[in-house]
Amino acid sequence: MFFDWKRKPCDGLDACCMVHDACVDKKGYLSKECNQNLLNCVKKFKKSGGQNQTFKGNKCNVKKVIRDISVVMKVALLASGSLPDRHYVHI
């Protein structure tokens, strides 16, 4: 995993992703706990208006990033419910 504990998050969305990275590093990409926590964090970030308070120099469309993360995490949650534990992959 490419998680760097020394680096500070550049904004709230990055903080959500950093926590998720650390979680899946320990529990695997299809961890229901990790993926649900990321969805909850992103939802809280969005609800707080965070998509309008990103870091200086950001060139990403934060609303699109939030949407994409939400879709991928929902798919991961669906997949994790249909696979036996032995299929959880640690990369």
PDB file of N, CA and C in Angstrom:
ATOM      1  N   MET A   1       0.860  -1.175   0.000  1.00  0.00           N
ATOM      2  CA  MET A   1       0.000   0.000   0.000  1.00  0.00           C
ATOM      3  C   MET A   1       0.895   1.222   0.000  1.00  0.00           C
ATOM      4  N   PHE A   2       0.387   2.301  -0.538  1.00  0.00           N
ATOM      5  CA  PHE A   2       1.154   3.532  -0.674  1.00  0.00           C
ATOM      6  C   PHE A   2       0.804   4.540   0.408  1.00  0.00           C
ATOM      7  N   PHE A   3       0.421   4.070   1.561  1.00  0.00           N
ATOM      8  CA  PHE A   3      -0.019   4.950   2.634  1.00  0.00           C
ATOM      9  C   PHE A   3       1.186   5.546   3.343  1.00  0.00           C
ATOM     10  N   ASP A   4       1.199   6.850   3.501  1.00  0.00           N
ATOM     11  CA  ASP A   4       2.311   7.550   4.146  1.00  0.00           C
ATOM     12  C   ASP A   4       1.803   8.234   5.410  1.00  0.00           C
ATOM     13  N   TRP A   5       2.088   7.643   6.563  1.00  0.00           N
ATOM     14  CA  TRP A   5       1.616   8.187   7.836  1.00  0.00           C
ATOM     15  C   TRP A   5       2.207   9.557   8.142  1.00  0.00           C
ATOM     16  N   LYS A   6       3.336   9.894   7.552  1.00  0.00           N
ATOM     17  CA  LYS A   6       4.003  11.163   7.849  1.00  0.00           C
ATOM     18  C   LYS A   6       3.336  12.344   7.158  1.00  0.00           C
ATOM     19  N   ARG A   7       2.668  12.085   6.057  1.00  0.00           N
ATOM     20  CA  ARG A   7       2.055  13.155   5.275  1.00  0.00           C
ATOM     21  C   ARG A   7       0.734  13.579   5.916  1.00  0.00           C
ATOM     22  N   LYS A   8       0.514  14.876   5.988  1.00  0.00           N
ATOM     23  CA  LYS A   8      -0.756  15.394   6.488  1.00  0.00           C
ATOM     24  C   LYS A   8      -1.744  15.451   5.328  1.00  0.00           C
ATOM     25  N   PRO A   9      -3.032  15.206   5.603  1.00  0.00           N
ATOM     26  CA  PRO A   9      -4.021  15.295   4.523  1.00  0.00           C
ATOM     27  C   PRO A   9      -4.145  16.728   4.024  1.00  0.00           C
ATOM     28  N   CYS A  10      -4.361  16.871   2.726  1.00  0.00           N
ATOM     29  CA  CYS A  10      -4.460  18.218   2.150  1.00  0.00           C
ATOM     30  C   CYS A  10      -5.858  18.809   2.318  1.00  0.00           C
ATOM     31  N   ASP A  11      -6.859  17.974   2.577  1.00  0.00           N
ATOM     32  CA  ASP A  11      -8.218  18.454   2.849  1.00  0.00           C
ATOM     33  C   ASP A  11      -8.999  17.318   3.510  1.00  0.00           C
ATOM     34  N   GLY A  12     -10.265  17.564   3.795  1.00  0.00           N
ATOM     35  CA  GLY A  12     -11.088  16.565   4.475  1.00  0.00           C
ATOM     36  C   GLY A  12     -11.291  15.296   3.673  1.00  0.00           C
ATOM     37  N   LEU A  13     -11.421  15.420   2.372  1.00  0.00           N
ATOM     38  CA  LEU A  13     -11.604  14.244   1.527  1.00  0.00           C
ATOM     39  C   LEU A  13     -10.340  13.388   1.527  1.00  0.00           C
ATOM     40  N   ASP A  14      -9.199  14.038   1.472  1.00  0.00           N
ATOM     41  CA  ASP A  14      -7.926  13.324   1.539  1.00  0.00           C
ATOM     42  C   ASP A  14      -7.793  12.610   2.880  1.00  0.00           C
ATOM     43  N   ALA A  15      -8.261  13.235   3.948  1.00  0.00           N
ATOM     44  CA  ALA A  15      -8.222  12.601   5.270  1.00  0.00           C
ATOM     45  C   ALA A  15      -9.068  11.329   5.276  1.00  0.00           C
ATOM     46  N   CYS A  16     -10.249  11.388   4.670  1.00  0.00           N
ATOM     47  CA  CYS A  16     -11.101  10.196   4.565  1.00  0.00           C
ATOM     48  C   CYS A  16     -10.362   9.077   3.833  1.00  0.00           C
ATOM     49  N   CYS A  17      -9.725   9.434   2.740  1.00  0.00           N
ATOM     50  CA  CYS A  17      -9.014   8.445   1.919  1.00  0.00           C
ATOM     51  C   CYS A  17      -7.806   7.865   2.650  1.00  0.00           C
ATOM     52  N   MET A  18      -7.118   8.690   3.421  1.00  0.00           N
ATOM     53  CA  MET A  18      -5.952   8.208   4.165  1.00  0.00           C
ATOM     54  C   MET A  18      -6.361   7.188   5.233  1.00  0.00           C
ATOM     55  N   VAL A  19      -7.459   7.454   5.912  1.00  0.00           N
ATOM     56  CA  VAL A  19      -7.960   6.511   6.915  1.00  0.00           C
ATOM     57  C   VAL A  19      -8.363   5.205   6.227  1.00  0.00           C
ATOM     58  N   HIS A  20      -9.030   5.315   5.078  1.00  0.00           N
ATOM     59  CA  HIS A  20      -9.431   4.129   4.319  1.00  0.00           C
ATOM     60  C   HIS A  20      -8.203   3.340   3.865  1.00  0.00           C
ATOM     61  N   ASP A  21      -7.187   4.031   3.381  1.00  0.00           N
ATOM     62  CA  ASP A  21      -5.956   3.354   2.946  1.00  0.00           C
ATOM     63  C   ASP A  21      -5.347   2.530   4.077  1.00  0.00           C
ATOM     64  N   ALA A  22      -5.274   3.132   5.259  1.00  0.00           N
ATOM     65  CA  ALA A  22      -4.700   2.427   6.408  1.00  0.00           C
ATOM     66  C   ALA A  22      -5.556   1.218   6.785  1.00  0.00           C
ATOM     67  N   CYS A  23      -6.862   1.374   6.695  1.00  0.00           N
ATOM     68  CA  CYS A  23      -7.781   0.295   7.049  1.00  0.00           C
ATOM     69  C   CYS A  23      -7.656  -0.879   6.074  1.00  0.00           C
ATOM     70  N   VAL A  24      -7.708  -0.601   4.775  1.00  0.00           N
ATOM     71  CA  VAL A  24      -7.629  -1.703   3.804  1.00  0.00           C
ATOM     72  C   VAL A  24      -6.239  -2.325   3.778  1.00  0.00           C
ATOM     73  N   ASP A  25      -5.239  -1.578   4.197  1.00  0.00           N
ATOM     74  CA  ASP A  25      -3.897  -2.142   4.294  1.00  0.00           C
ATOM     75  C   ASP A  25      -3.878  -3.273   5.323  1.00  0.00           C
ATOM     76  N   LYS A  26      -4.699  -3.132   6.364  1.00  0.00           N
ATOM     77  CA  LYS A  26      -4.765  -4.150   7.413  1.00  0.00           C
ATOM     78  C   LYS A  26      -5.831  -5.207   7.145  1.00  0.00           C
ATOM     79  N   LYS A  27      -6.955  -4.791   6.545  1.00  0.00           N
ATOM     80  CA  LYS A  27      -8.118  -5.684   6.470  1.00  0.00           C
ATOM     81  C   LYS A  27      -8.494  -6.135   5.062  1.00  0.00           C
ATOM     82  N   GLY A  28      -7.882  -5.567   4.034  1.00  0.00           N
ATOM     83  CA  GLY A  28      -8.185  -5.970   2.662  1.00  0.00           C
ATOM     84  C   GLY A  28      -9.142  -5.012   1.969  1.00  0.00           C
ATOM     85  N   TYR A  29      -9.057  -5.010   0.641  1.00  0.00           N
ATOM     86  CA  TYR A  29      -9.847  -4.078  -0.166  1.00  0.00           C
ATOM     87  C   TYR A  29     -11.350  -4.289  -0.068  1.00  0.00           C
ATOM     88  N   LEU A  30     -11.787  -5.490   0.249  1.00  0.00           N
ATOM     89  CA  LEU A  30     -13.220  -5.742   0.322  1.00  0.00           C
ATOM     90  C   LEU A  30     -13.744  -5.717   1.757  1.00  0.00           C
ATOM     91  N   SER A  31     -13.009  -5.093   2.654  1.00  0.00           N
ATOM     92  CA  SER A  31     -13.459  -4.972   4.038  1.00  0.00           C
ATOM     93  C   SER A  31     -14.717  -4.112   4.092  1.00  0.00           C
ATOM     94  N   LYS A  32     -15.788  -4.716   4.590  1.00  0.00           N
ATOM     95  CA  LYS A  32     -17.047  -3.968   4.716  1.00  0.00           C
ATOM     96  C   LYS A  32     -16.870  -2.775   5.652  1.00  0.00           C
ATOM     97  N   GLU A  33     -16.158  -3.005   6.747  1.00  0.00           N
ATOM     98  CA  GLU A  33     -15.942  -1.943   7.730  1.00  0.00           C
ATOM     99  C   GLU A  33     -15.203  -0.759   7.106  1.00  0.00           C
ATOM    100  N   CYS A  34     -14.100  -1.037   6.416  1.00  0.00           N
ATOM    101  CA  CYS A  34     -13.305   0.036   5.803  1.00  0.00           C
ATOM    102  C   CYS A  34     -14.119   0.810   4.775  1.00  0.00           C
ATOM    103  N   ASN A  35     -14.811   0.071   3.917  1.00  0.00           N
ATOM    104  CA  ASN A  35     -15.537   0.715   2.826  1.00  0.00           C
ATOM    105  C   ASN A  35     -16.755   1.484   3.317  1.00  0.00           C
ATOM    106  N   GLN A  36     -17.452   0.950   4.315  1.00  0.00           N
ATOM    107  CA  GLN A  36     -18.594   1.679   4.876  1.00  0.00           C
ATOM    108  C   GLN A  36     -18.117   2.932   5.605  1.00  0.00           C
ATOM    109  N   ASN A  37     -16.999   2.820   6.316  1.00  0.00           N
ATOM    110  CA  ASN A  37     -16.451   3.993   7.001  1.00  0.00           C
ATOM    111  C   ASN A  37     -16.056   5.083   6.009  1.00  0.00           C
ATOM    112  N   LEU A  38     -15.492   4.685   4.862  1.00  0.00           N
ATOM    113  CA  LEU A  38     -15.147   5.684   3.843  1.00  0.00           C
ATOM    114  C   LEU A  38     -16.405   6.347   3.305  1.00  0.00           C
ATOM    115  N   LEU A  39     -17.437   5.557   3.014  1.00  0.00           N
ATOM    116  CA  LEU A  39     -18.703   6.145   2.547  1.00  0.00           C
ATOM    117  C   LEU A  39     -19.245   7.141   3.562  1.00  0.00           C
ATOM    118  N   ASN A  40     -19.236   6.771   4.837  1.00  0.00           N
ATOM    119  CA  ASN A  40     -19.742   7.661   5.887  1.00  0.00           C
ATOM    120  C   ASN A  40     -18.913   8.940   5.981  1.00  0.00           C
ATOM    121  N   CYS A  41     -17.599   8.805   5.878  1.00  0.00           N
ATOM    122  CA  CYS A  41     -16.707   9.958   5.965  1.00  0.00           C
ATOM    123  C   CYS A  41     -16.926  10.909   4.786  1.00  0.00           C
ATOM    124  N   VAL A  42     -17.036  10.346   3.593  1.00  0.00           N
ATOM    125  CA  VAL A  42     -17.252  11.165   2.394  1.00  0.00           C
ATOM    126  C   VAL A  42     -18.604  11.873   2.475  1.00  0.00           C
ATOM    127  N   LYS A  43     -19.614  11.168   2.976  1.00  0.00           N
ATOM    128  CA  LYS A  43     -20.944  11.773   3.134  1.00  0.00           C
ATOM    129  C   LYS A  43     -20.883  12.948   4.113  1.00  0.00           C
ATOM    130  N   LYS A  44     -20.171  12.754   5.217  1.00  0.00           N
ATOM    131  CA  LYS A  44     -20.022  13.822   6.214  1.00  0.00           C
ATOM    132  C   LYS A  44     -19.256  15.008   5.616  1.00  0.00           C
ATOM    133  N   PHE A  45     -18.191  14.713   4.862  1.00  0.00           N
ATOM    134  CA  PHE A  45     -17.403  15.748   4.195  1.00  0.00           C
ATOM    135  C   PHE A  45     -18.286  16.560   3.245  1.00  0.00           C
ATOM    136  N   LYS A  46     -19.088  15.869   2.456  1.00  0.00           N
ATOM    137  CA  LYS A  46     -19.971  16.534   1.492  1.00  0.00           C
ATOM    138  C   LYS A  46     -21.025  17.375   2.219  1.00  0.00           C
ATOM    139  N   LYS A  47     -21.623  16.794   3.258  1.00  0.00           N
ATOM    140  CA  LYS A  47     -22.679  17.482   4.009  1.00  0.00           C
ATOM    141  C   LYS A  47     -22.157  18.754   4.676  1.00  0.00           C
ATOM    142  N   SER A  48     -20.879  18.749   5.040  1.00  0.00           N
ATOM    143  CA  SER A  48     -20.285  19.910   5.710  1.00  0.00           C
ATOM    144  C   SER A  48     -19.906  21.019   4.726  1.00  0.00           C
ATOM    145  N   GLY A  49     -20.106  20.759   3.433  1.00  0.00           N
ATOM    146  CA  GLY A  49     -19.729  21.743   2.418  1.00  0.00           C
ATOM    147  C   GLY A  49     -18.274  21.642   2.018  1.00  0.00           C
ATOM    148  N   GLY A  50     -17.631  20.558   2.402  1.00  0.00           N
ATOM    149  CA  GLY A  50     -16.212  20.374   2.140  1.00  0.00           C
ATOM    150  C   GLY A  50     -15.823  20.418   0.678  1.00  0.00           C
ATOM    151  N   GLN A  51     -16.756  20.036  -0.202  1.00  0.00           N
ATOM    152  CA  GLN A  51     -16.423  20.051  -1.629  1.00  0.00           C
ATOM    153  C   GLN A  51     -16.140  21.461  -2.132  1.00  0.00           C
ATOM    154  N   ASN A  52     -16.510  22.456  -1.346  1.00  0.00           N
ATOM    155  CA  ASN A  52     -16.244  23.853  -1.709  1.00  0.00           C
ATOM    156  C   ASN A  52     -15.019  24.410  -0.985  1.00  0.00           C
ATOM    157  N   GLN A  53     -14.343  23.567  -0.194  1.00  0.00           N
ATOM    158  CA  GLN A  53     -13.206  24.023   0.608  1.00  0.00           C
ATOM    159  C   GLN A  53     -12.008  23.105   0.404  1.00  0.00           C
ATOM    160  N   THR A  54     -11.655  22.868  -0.828  1.00  0.00           N
ATOM    161  CA  THR A  54     -10.541  21.968  -1.111  1.00  0.00           C
ATOM    162  C   THR A  54      -9.216  22.721  -1.047  1.00  0.00           C
ATOM    163  N   PHE A  55      -8.133  22.028  -1.232  1.00  0.00           N
ATOM    164  CA  PHE A  55      -6.808  22.625  -1.091  1.00  0.00           C
ATOM    165  C   PHE A  55      -6.445  23.520  -2.275  1.00  0.00           C
ATOM    166  N   LYS A  56      -5.581  24.484  -2.017  1.00  0.00           N
ATOM    167  CA  LYS A  56      -5.127  25.420  -3.042  1.00  0.00           C
ATOM    168  C   LYS A  56      -4.390  24.653  -4.148  1.00  0.00           C
ATOM    169  N   GLY A  57      -4.741  24.950  -5.378  1.00  0.00           N
ATOM    170  CA  GLY A  57      -4.101  24.307  -6.519  1.00  0.00           C
ATOM    171  C   GLY A  57      -4.794  23.040  -6.986  1.00  0.00           C
ATOM    172  N   ASN A  58      -5.866  22.631  -6.293  1.00  0.00           N
ATOM    173  CA  ASN A  58      -6.594  21.431  -6.704  1.00  0.00           C
ATOM    174  C   ASN A  58      -7.178  21.621  -8.100  1.00  0.00           C
ATOM    175  N   LYS A  59      -6.991  20.642  -8.951  1.00  0.00           N
ATOM    176  CA  LYS A  59      -7.533  20.709 -10.306  1.00  0.00           C
ATOM    177  C   LYS A  59      -8.614  19.664 -10.538  1.00  0.00           C
ATOM    178  N   CYS A  60      -8.931  18.897  -9.514  1.00  0.00           N
ATOM    179  CA  CYS A  60      -9.960  17.862  -9.631  1.00  0.00           C
ATOM    180  C   CYS A  60     -11.340  18.464  -9.387  1.00  0.00           C
ATOM    181  N   ASN A  61     -12.341  17.876 -10.010  1.00  0.00           N
ATOM    182  CA  ASN A  61     -13.726  18.222  -9.742  1.00  0.00           C
ATOM    183  C   ASN A  61     -14.131  17.424  -8.503  1.00  0.00           C
ATOM    184  N   VAL A  62     -14.143  18.073  -7.353  1.00  0.00           N
ATOM    185  CA  VAL A  62     -14.351  17.383  -6.083  1.00  0.00           C
ATOM    186  C   VAL A  62     -15.712  16.696  -6.043  1.00  0.00           C
ATOM    187  N   LYS A  63     -16.734  17.311  -6.605  1.00  0.00           N
ATOM    188  CA  LYS A  63     -18.061  16.684  -6.624  1.00  0.00           C
ATOM    189  C   LYS A  63     -18.021  15.374  -7.402  1.00  0.00           C
ATOM    190  N   LYS A  64     -17.288  15.357  -8.508  1.00  0.00           N
ATOM    191  CA  LYS A  64     -17.155  14.131  -9.302  1.00  0.00           C
ATOM    192  C   LYS A  64     -16.349  13.083  -8.538  1.00  0.00           C
ATOM    193  N   VAL A  65     -15.301  13.498  -7.866  1.00  0.00           N
ATOM    194  CA  VAL A  65     -14.494  12.560  -7.076  1.00  0.00           C
ATOM    195  C   VAL A  65     -15.356  11.934  -5.977  1.00  0.00           C
ATOM    196  N   ILE A  66     -16.159  12.748  -5.303  1.00  0.00           N
ATOM    197  CA  ILE A  66     -17.059  12.249  -4.257  1.00  0.00           C
ATOM    198  C   ILE A  66     -18.033  11.240  -4.852  1.00  0.00           C
ATOM    199  N   ARG A  67     -18.606  11.570  -5.997  1.00  0.00           N
ATOM    200  CA  ARG A  67     -19.552  10.661  -6.651  1.00  0.00           C
ATOM    201  C   ARG A  67     -18.865   9.350  -7.025  1.00  0.00           C
ATOM    202  N   ASP A  68     -17.687   9.442  -7.610  1.00  0.00           N
ATOM    203  CA  ASP A  68     -16.966   8.240  -8.042  1.00  0.00           C
ATOM    204  C   ASP A  68     -16.581   7.355  -6.858  1.00  0.00           C
ATOM    205  N   ILE A  69     -16.077   7.963  -5.793  1.00  0.00           N
ATOM    206  CA  ILE A  69     -15.728   7.186  -4.593  1.00  0.00           C
ATOM    207  C   ILE A  69     -16.969   6.488  -4.055  1.00  0.00           C
ATOM    208  N   SER A  70     -18.081   7.206  -4.001  1.00  0.00           N
ATOM    209  CA  SER A  70     -19.318   6.629  -3.471  1.00  0.00           C
ATOM    210  C   SER A  70     -19.774   5.431  -4.296  1.00  0.00           C
ATOM    211  N   VAL A  71     -19.727   5.550  -5.612  1.00  0.00           N
ATOM    212  CA  VAL A  71     -20.143   4.444  -6.487  1.00  0.00           C
ATOM    213  C   VAL A  71     -19.226   3.238  -6.293  1.00  0.00           C
ATOM    214  N   VAL A  72     -17.927   3.467  -6.308  1.00  0.00           N
ATOM    215  CA  VAL A  72     -16.971   2.359  -6.181  1.00  0.00           C
ATOM    216  C   VAL A  72     -17.107   1.675  -4.818  1.00  0.00           C
ATOM    217  N   MET A  73     -17.289   2.436  -3.760  1.00  0.00           N
ATOM    218  CA  MET A  73     -17.419   1.833  -2.433  1.00  0.00           C
ATOM    219  C   MET A  73     -18.720   1.048  -2.308  1.00  0.00           C
ATOM    220  N   LYS A  74     -19.785   1.530  -2.924  1.00  0.00           N
ATOM    221  CA  LYS A  74     -21.049   0.778  -2.902  1.00  0.00           C
ATOM    222  C   LYS A  74     -20.898  -0.539  -3.655  1.00  0.00           C
ATOM    223  N   VAL A  75     -20.194  -0.522  -4.778  1.00  0.00           N
ATOM    224  CA  VAL A  75     -19.932  -1.757  -5.526  1.00  0.00           C
ATOM    225  C   VAL A  75     -19.073  -2.699  -4.682  1.00  0.00           C
ATOM    226  N   ALA A  76     -18.058  -2.164  -4.021  1.00  0.00           N
ATOM    227  CA  ALA A  76     -17.196  -2.989  -3.166  1.00  0.00           C
ATOM    228  C   ALA A  76     -18.001  -3.617  -2.029  1.00  0.00           C
ATOM    229  N   LEU A  77     -18.931  -2.858  -1.465  1.00  0.00           N
ATOM    230  CA  LEU A  77     -19.771  -3.406  -0.398  1.00  0.00           C
ATOM    231  C   LEU A  77     -20.667  -4.517  -0.928  1.00  0.00           C
ATOM    232  N   LEU A  78     -21.209  -4.334  -2.125  1.00  0.00           N
ATOM    233  CA  LEU A  78     -22.013  -5.393  -2.741  1.00  0.00           C
ATOM    234  C   LEU A  78     -21.156  -6.628  -2.998  1.00  0.00           C
ATOM    235  N   ALA A  79     -19.965  -6.432  -3.523  1.00  0.00           N
ATOM    236  CA  ALA A  79     -19.070  -7.552  -3.829  1.00  0.00           C
ATOM    237  C   ALA A  79     -18.657  -8.284  -2.562  1.00  0.00           C
ATOM    238  N   SER A  80     -18.378  -7.546  -1.509  1.00  0.00           N
ATOM    239  CA  SER A  80     -17.923  -8.186  -0.273  1.00  0.00           C
ATOM    240  C   SER A  80     -19.021  -9.036   0.343  1.00  0.00           C
ATOM    241  N   GLY A  81     -20.266  -8.693   0.071  1.00  0.00           N
ATOM    242  CA  GLY A  81     -21.382  -9.480   0.589  1.00  0.00           C
ATOM    243  C   GLY A  81     -21.618 -10.756  -0.189  1.00  0.00           C
ATOM    244  N   SER A  82     -21.049 -10.863  -1.380  1.00  0.00           N
ATOM    245  CA  SER A  82     -21.299 -12.037  -2.212  1.00  0.00           C
ATOM    246  C   SER A  82     -20.107 -12.982  -2.292  1.00  0.00           C
ATOM    247  N   LEU A  83     -18.992 -12.625  -1.661  1.00  0.00           N
ATOM    248  CA  LEU A  83     -17.795 -13.467  -1.708  1.00  0.00           C
ATOM    249  C   LEU A  83     -17.498 -14.051  -0.331  1.00  0.00           C
ATOM    250  N   PRO A  84     -17.094 -15.310  -0.283  1.00  0.00           N
ATOM    251  CA  PRO A  84     -16.651 -15.859   1.004  1.00  0.00           C
ATOM    252  C   PRO A  84     -15.371 -15.165   1.460  1.00  0.00           C
ATOM    253  N   ASP A  85     -15.104 -15.170   2.745  1.00  0.00           N
ATOM    254  CA  ASP A  85     -13.946 -14.473   3.308  1.00  0.00           C
ATOM    255  C   ASP A  85     -12.629 -14.853   2.648  1.00  0.00           C
ATOM    256  N   ARG A  86     -12.472 -16.079   2.209  1.00  0.00           N
ATOM    257  CA  ARG A  86     -11.197 -16.509   1.637  1.00  0.00           C
ATOM    258  C   ARG A  86     -10.871 -15.782   0.342  1.00  0.00           C
ATOM    259  N   HIS A  87     -11.854 -15.118  -0.255  1.00  0.00           N
ATOM    260  CA  HIS A  87     -11.623 -14.395  -1.502  1.00  0.00           C
ATOM    261  C   HIS A  87     -11.204 -12.949  -1.279  1.00  0.00           C
ATOM    262  N   TYR A  88     -11.162 -12.511  -0.039  1.00  0.00           N
ATOM    263  CA  TYR A  88     -10.720 -11.142   0.224  1.00  0.00           C
ATOM    264  C   TYR A  88      -9.251 -11.047  -0.144  1.00  0.00           C
ATOM    265  N   VAL A  89      -8.923 -10.052  -0.894  1.00  0.00           N
ATOM    266  CA  VAL A  89      -7.575  -9.957  -1.451  1.00  0.00           C
ATOM    267  C   VAL A  89      -6.789  -8.877  -0.729  1.00  0.00           C
ATOM    268  N   HIS A  90      -5.588  -9.209  -0.318  1.00  0.00           N
ATOM    269  CA  HIS A  90      -4.653  -8.231   0.240  1.00  0.00           C
ATOM    270  C   HIS A  90      -3.585  -8.004  -0.810  1.00  0.00           C
ATOM    271  N   ILE A  91      -3.520  -6.807  -1.337  1.00  0.00           N
ATOM    272  CA  ILE A  91      -2.530  -6.496  -2.381  1.00  0.00           C
ATOM    273  C   ILE A  91      -1.395  -5.717  -1.775  1.00  0.00           C
TER     274      ILE A  91
END
